[in-house]
Amino acid sequence: MTETKLCLGTVQFGLDYGINNFAGKPSKANSFEMLDEAIKQGISVIDTAVAYGNAEEILGDYGIANHDVKVISKLKPNLITKDSKNPEDVVEQQVRGSLARMGLGQLDGYLLHTPENFYNKRIIEGLKRCKEQGLIRHFGVSIYEMQHALDVVESGEVDYIQIPYSIFDQRVDRTNFFEIAKQNSVTVYARSAFLQGLILMEESKIPSHLEMAKGYLRKFDQVITKYGFTRVEAAFLFAYTHPNIDYLVFGVDKMEHLLEDIELSRKIVDFAPCREELSNSFLNISKSIIFPSLWKQKEGE
């Protein structure tokens, strides 16, 4: 079976997630079916987090430990502050908690879900301790801001980094991030290829506080129509075919979406001309669009 760059994200298994998700999270049985199919189709890396509702418990109930897959989880966001006592112990407790919930003896990766935690040396020491004890094989950071991304890959401390990357969010391409990551042997995971579903939304369903996105989506449609791609195909392939992205983290709430993404990952197509035009068409998109964390704030104004 051809090796895949796909990493199955599990946020949809534990939370009602995504602006374009009107059905809610799948049942446990449906989650199990999707995990079965993903593993059968050769996906060997699973991404989860304690912040993803009961996603870790779902994986534990599924029996993820009985399958030949790598599991990556994340430290609870904003759990450790500058004033926290014994952060090394807190990190270890959290890692052990994730392992217990999933019935695992070791995590392939463990990421800081709060990028600012990276600058706390004692948290890094806690991660190193977990690595020395064999609780985790690799550690890293899930980032949002480009300065954090550069600081992390330049540090020489981490094994993994997870970045947002999509047609509307190409900020890393405007820096030497990928070059530095490669020099320092940092594995790059990209997420948000569909920007939590915004890139796939019908214009009539886009909420008023994201009105600005409508113009971007019209431009997107103009470009991809010229090359004969659908939105799903173009958004997926834009991230998946990037030569310096090692894994694309993708989430699904339905079996049909899982099968569609797997099929796209195997599609042999010349996407380069479309990629080039898309790269040049969406520069400096507003953070109010590419940062989902700002969507609700704006909605409440």
Protein backbone atom coordinates (compact mmCIF):
# COMPACT_ATOMS: atom_id res chain seq x y z
CA MET A 1 0.00 0.00 0.00
CA THR A 2 1.30 3.46 -0.92
CA GLU A 3 2.61 5.43 2.03
CA THR A 4 0.31 8.30 2.92
CA LYS A 5 0.94 11.75 4.36
CA LEU A 6 -2.50 11.67 5.98
CA CYS A 7 -2.86 11.93 9.75
CA LEU A 8 -6.39 11.41 11.06
CA GLY A 9 -7.46 14.16 13.44
CA THR A 10 -10.05 13.26 16.07
CA VAL A 11 -11.46 16.60 17.23
CA GLN A 12 -14.75 15.80 15.44
CA PHE A 13 -15.04 12.53 17.40
CA GLY A 14 -15.08 14.39 20.71
CA LEU A 15 -16.68 17.76 19.97
CA ASP A 16 -19.28 19.43 17.77
CA TYR A 17 -16.61 21.00 15.61
CA GLY A 18 -16.42 23.12 12.47
CA ILE A 19 -18.41 26.07 11.16
CA ASN A 20 -19.72 23.94 8.29
CA ASN A 21 -20.74 21.00 10.50
CA PHE A 22 -24.48 21.09 11.03
CA ALA A 23 -24.87 17.43 12.03
CA GLY A 24 -22.84 17.46 15.26
CA LYS A 25 -20.27 14.88 16.27
CA PRO A 26 -20.63 11.30 15.02
CA SER A 27 -21.84 8.49 17.28
CA LYS A 28 -19.25 6.31 18.97
CA ALA A 29 -20.13 3.48 16.59
CA ASN A 30 -19.62 5.72 13.57
CA SER A 31 -16.31 6.94 14.98
CA PHE A 32 -15.20 3.33 15.38
CA GLU A 33 -16.20 2.57 11.77
CA MET A 34 -14.18 5.52 10.50
CA LEU A 35 -11.16 4.48 12.57
CA ASP A 36 -11.45 0.95 11.17
CA GLU A 37 -11.56 2.25 7.62
CA ALA A 38 -8.75 4.77 8.09
CA ILE A 39 -6.40 2.12 9.49
CA LYS A 40 -7.45 -0.37 6.81
CA GLN A 41 -6.61 2.27 4.17
CA GLY A 42 -3.09 2.71 5.54
CA ILE A 43 -3.40 5.77 7.77
CA SER A 44 -0.89 5.17 10.53
CA VAL A 45 -0.88 8.42 12.54
CA ILE A 46 -3.74 9.62 14.77
CA ASP A 47 -3.89 13.15 16.20
CA THR A 48 -5.88 13.86 19.36
CA ALA A 49 -5.86 16.08 22.47
CA VAL A 50 -7.30 16.25 25.94
CA ALA A 51 -9.06 19.45 24.79
CA TYR A 52 -11.04 17.52 22.17
CA GLY A 53 -13.93 16.62 24.44
CA ASN A 54 -13.96 12.85 24.98
CA ALA A 55 -11.84 12.03 21.89
CA GLU A 56 -9.13 10.32 23.95
CA GLU A 57 -11.74 8.16 25.67
CA ILE A 58 -13.23 7.25 22.27
CA LEU A 59 -9.79 6.07 21.14
CA GLY A 60 -9.37 4.13 24.36
CA ASP A 61 -12.77 2.44 24.01
CA TYR A 62 -11.94 1.65 20.39
CA GLY A 63 -8.80 -0.16 21.51
CA ILE A 64 -6.31 2.01 19.66
CA ALA A 65 -3.50 0.26 21.55
CA ASN A 66 -4.29 -2.92 19.61
CA HIS A 67 -3.52 -1.28 16.27
CA ASP A 68 -0.22 -0.50 14.61
CA VAL A 69 -0.62 3.28 14.62
CA LYS A 70 1.20 6.25 16.11
CA VAL A 71 -0.82 8.48 18.44
CA ILE A 72 -0.09 12.14 19.10
CA SER A 73 -1.82 14.03 21.91
CA LYS A 74 -1.51 17.48 23.45
CA LEU A 75 -1.19 19.19 26.81
CA LYS A 76 -4.38 20.79 28.08
CA PRO A 77 -4.45 24.45 26.91
CA ASN A 78 -3.68 27.16 29.47
CA LEU A 79 -3.23 24.58 32.22
CA ILE A 80 0.21 25.78 33.27
CA THR A 81 0.89 29.46 33.91
CA LYS A 82 4.09 31.30 34.82
CA ASP A 83 3.08 31.01 38.48
CA SER A 84 2.32 27.28 38.41
CA LYS A 85 4.26 25.18 40.87
CA ASN A 86 6.10 22.07 39.69
CA PRO A 87 5.23 22.32 35.99
CA GLU A 88 7.44 19.31 35.26
CA ASP A 89 5.20 17.17 37.47
CA VAL A 90 2.04 18.61 35.88
CA VAL A 91 3.33 17.72 32.41
CA GLU A 92 4.10 14.16 33.48
CA GLN A 93 0.70 13.78 35.15
CA GLN A 94 -1.03 15.00 32.01
CA VAL A 95 0.92 12.64 29.77
CA ARG A 96 0.12 9.72 32.05
CA GLY A 97 -3.55 10.75 32.04
CA SER A 98 -3.67 10.68 28.24
CA LEU A 99 -1.95 7.29 28.18
CA ALA A 100 -4.41 5.88 30.70
CA ARG A 101 -7.47 7.19 28.81
CA MET A 102 -6.25 5.58 25.61
CA GLY A 103 -4.82 2.41 27.15
CA LEU A 104 -1.38 3.13 25.71
CA GLY A 105 2.07 2.55 27.12
CA GLN A 106 3.67 5.27 25.03
CA LEU A 107 2.66 8.20 22.85
CA ASP A 108 4.48 8.75 19.59
CA GLY A 109 4.16 12.51 20.08
CA TYR A 110 3.04 15.03 22.66
CA LEU A 111 2.48 18.67 21.73
CA LEU A 112 2.04 21.87 23.69
CA HIS A 113 -1.44 23.14 22.85
CA THR A 114 -0.62 26.58 24.24
CA PRO A 115 2.33 27.87 22.16
CA GLU A 116 3.44 30.26 24.91
CA ASN A 117 4.22 27.21 27.07
CA PHE A 118 7.22 26.62 24.81
CA TYR A 119 9.01 29.56 26.44
CA ASN A 120 8.69 28.02 29.92
CA LYS A 121 11.91 26.03 30.36
CA ARG A 122 10.42 23.93 33.14
CA ILE A 123 7.63 22.72 30.84
CA ILE A 124 10.24 21.72 28.28
CA GLU A 125 12.13 19.93 31.05
CA GLY A 126 8.91 18.07 31.88
CA LEU A 127 8.60 16.94 28.27
CA LYS A 128 12.22 15.82 28.23
CA ARG A 129 11.63 13.86 31.43
CA CYS A 130 8.65 12.10 29.83
CA LYS A 131 10.81 11.28 26.83
CA GLU A 132 13.57 9.87 29.03
CA GLN A 133 11.01 7.72 30.87
CA GLY A 134 9.71 6.34 27.57
CA LEU A 135 6.23 7.85 28.02
CA ILE A 136 6.59 9.78 24.76
CA ARG A 137 8.90 9.33 21.78
CA HIS A 138 8.75 12.88 20.42
CA PHE A 139 7.50 16.27 21.56
CA GLY A 140 6.67 19.57 19.96
CA VAL A 141 4.28 22.49 19.71
CA SER A 142 1.00 23.29 17.97
CA ILE A 143 1.31 26.92 16.83
CA TYR A 144 -0.84 29.73 15.43
CA GLU A 145 1.50 32.72 15.10
CA MET A 146 4.45 32.74 12.71
CA GLN A 147 6.93 34.09 15.26
CA HIS A 148 6.15 31.12 17.48
CA ALA A 149 6.65 28.79 14.51
CA LEU A 150 10.09 30.24 13.79
CA ASP A 151 11.14 30.26 17.45
CA VAL A 152 10.11 26.61 17.81
CA VAL A 153 11.93 25.25 14.75
CA GLU A 154 15.01 27.37 15.40
CA SER A 155 15.33 26.11 18.98
CA GLY A 156 16.74 22.68 18.25
CA GLU A 157 14.55 21.40 21.12
CA VAL A 158 11.55 19.89 19.33
CA ASP A 159 10.84 16.92 17.09
CA TYR A 160 7.38 17.91 15.83
CA ILE A 161 5.50 21.09 14.98
CA GLN A 162 1.89 21.49 13.92
CA ILE A 163 1.01 24.52 11.81
CA PRO A 164 -2.15 25.95 10.25
CA TYR A 165 -1.92 25.87 6.46
CA SER A 166 -4.51 26.49 3.79
CA ILE A 167 -5.14 28.43 0.60
CA PHE A 168 -6.15 31.39 2.76
CA ASP A 169 -3.31 30.92 5.27
CA GLN A 170 0.04 30.66 3.52
CA ARG A 171 1.99 32.68 6.08
CA VAL A 172 4.69 30.03 6.54
CA ASP A 173 5.51 30.17 2.83
CA ARG A 174 6.48 33.84 3.20
CA THR A 175 9.22 32.94 5.70
CA ASN A 176 12.17 30.54 5.85
CA PHE A 177 10.22 28.28 8.21
CA PHE A 178 10.39 25.14 6.08
CA GLU A 179 14.08 25.54 5.42
CA ILE A 180 14.87 25.83 9.14
CA ALA A 181 12.54 22.93 10.03
CA LYS A 182 14.36 20.71 7.55
CA GLN A 183 17.80 21.77 8.82
CA ASN A 184 16.76 20.90 12.38
CA SER A 185 14.98 17.63 11.44
CA VAL A 186 11.59 18.86 12.67
CA THR A 187 8.61 16.89 11.31
CA VAL A 188 5.96 19.30 10.04
CA TYR A 189 2.27 18.53 10.53
CA ALA A 190 -0.21 20.85 8.81
CA ARG A 191 -3.83 21.29 9.84
CA SER A 192 -6.85 23.38 8.80
CA ALA A 193 -6.66 22.76 5.04
CA PHE A 194 -10.40 23.49 4.90
CA LEU A 195 -10.21 26.20 7.60
CA GLN A 196 -12.70 24.33 9.81
CA GLY A 197 -15.04 24.02 6.84
CA LEU A 198 -15.22 27.72 5.95
CA ILE A 199 -13.53 27.11 2.59
CA LEU A 200 -16.30 24.66 1.65
CA MET A 201 -19.30 26.69 2.81
CA GLU A 202 -22.10 27.84 0.56
CA GLU A 203 -22.20 31.63 0.46
CA SER A 204 -25.76 31.74 1.78
CA LYS A 205 -24.69 29.92 4.95
CA ILE A 206 -21.72 32.11 5.83
CA PRO A 207 -22.53 34.14 8.97
CA SER A 208 -22.56 37.93 8.76
CA HIS A 209 -19.42 38.34 10.90
CA LEU A 210 -17.47 36.45 8.22
CA GLU A 211 -18.87 38.52 5.36
CA MET A 212 -15.33 39.29 4.18
CA ALA A 213 -14.78 35.61 3.38
CA LYS A 214 -17.37 35.70 0.60
CA GLY A 215 -15.11 37.76 -1.67
CA TYR A 216 -12.20 35.40 -1.07
CA LEU A 217 -14.36 32.38 -1.85
CA ARG A 218 -15.61 33.92 -5.10
CA LYS A 219 -12.01 34.51 -6.17
CA PHE A 220 -11.16 30.95 -5.14
CA ASP A 221 -13.99 29.61 -7.29
CA GLN A 222 -12.82 31.65 -10.29
CA VAL A 223 -9.31 30.20 -10.10
CA ILE A 224 -10.18 26.55 -9.53
CA THR A 225 -12.93 26.51 -12.17
CA LYS A 226 -10.29 27.51 -14.72
CA TYR A 227 -8.30 24.38 -13.84
CA GLY A 228 -11.24 22.01 -13.43
CA PHE A 229 -10.98 21.41 -9.66
CA THR A 230 -13.71 21.47 -7.02
CA ARG A 231 -13.24 23.36 -3.75
CA VAL A 232 -12.65 20.12 -1.83
CA GLU A 233 -10.05 18.93 -4.33
CA ALA A 234 -8.19 22.22 -4.52
CA ALA A 235 -8.16 22.92 -0.77
CA PHE A 236 -7.02 19.39 0.00
CA LEU A 237 -4.37 19.15 -2.71
CA PHE A 238 -3.00 22.62 -1.92
CA ALA A 239 -1.86 21.37 1.48
CA TYR A 240 -1.31 17.69 0.69
CA THR A 241 1.00 18.26 -2.29
CA HIS A 242 3.20 20.80 -0.50
CA PRO A 243 6.68 19.23 -0.71
CA ASN A 244 7.75 20.38 2.77
CA ILE A 245 4.66 19.29 4.69
CA ASP A 246 5.30 15.84 6.14
CA TYR A 247 1.75 15.06 7.31
CA LEU A 248 -1.64 16.62 6.67
CA VAL A 249 -3.92 16.40 9.72
CA PHE A 250 -7.52 16.11 8.55
CA GLY A 251 -10.71 15.57 10.49
CA VAL A 252 -13.93 13.93 9.36
CA ASP A 253 -17.43 13.57 10.77
CA LYS A 254 -18.79 11.23 8.07
CA MET A 255 -17.48 8.12 6.34
CA GLU A 256 -18.04 9.70 2.91
CA HIS A 257 -15.68 12.56 3.81
CA LEU A 258 -13.03 10.10 5.00
CA LEU A 259 -13.22 8.09 1.78
CA GLU A 260 -13.19 11.25 -0.33
CA ASP A 261 -10.03 12.57 1.35
CA ILE A 262 -8.26 9.21 1.09
CA GLU A 263 -9.15 9.03 -2.61
CA LEU A 264 -7.84 12.57 -3.15
CA SER A 265 -4.54 11.68 -1.48
CA ARG A 266 -4.04 9.00 -4.13
CA LYS A 267 -5.17 11.07 -7.08
CA ILE A 268 -2.52 11.52 -9.76
CA VAL A 269 -3.05 14.98 -11.18
CA ASP A 270 -0.95 17.97 -12.21
CA PHE A 271 -1.94 20.47 -9.56
CA ALA A 272 1.15 22.70 -9.94
CA PRO A 273 -0.33 25.37 -12.27
CA CYS A 274 -3.43 25.76 -10.08
CA ARG A 275 -1.26 25.83 -6.95
CA GLU A 276 0.88 28.62 -8.38
CA GLU A 277 -2.09 30.82 -9.18
CA LEU A 278 -3.69 30.15 -5.80
CA SER A 279 -0.40 30.99 -4.08
CA ASN A 280 -0.33 34.36 -5.79
CA SER A 281 -4.05 35.10 -5.34
CA PHE A 282 -4.36 34.99 -1.55
CA LEU A 283 -1.69 37.07 0.12
CA ASN A 284 -2.09 38.64 3.57
CA ILE A 285 -5.60 37.43 4.35
CA SER A 286 -7.02 39.09 7.48
CA LYS A 287 -6.50 37.25 10.76
CA SER A 288 -10.20 37.72 11.42
CA ILE A 289 -10.71 35.13 8.69
CA ILE A 290 -7.78 32.73 9.18
CA PHE A 291 -7.92 32.60 13.01
CA PRO A 292 -11.07 30.64 13.98
CA SER A 293 -10.44 31.68 17.59
CA LEU A 294 -11.43 35.23 16.54
CA TRP A 295 -14.68 34.20 14.86
CA LYS A 296 -16.75 33.90 18.02
CA GLN A 297 -15.26 37.07 19.52
CA LYS A 298 -16.29 38.96 16.45
CA GLU A 299 -19.74 37.38 16.48
CA GLY A 300 -20.31 38.64 20.01
CA GLU A 301 -19.39 42.26 19.32
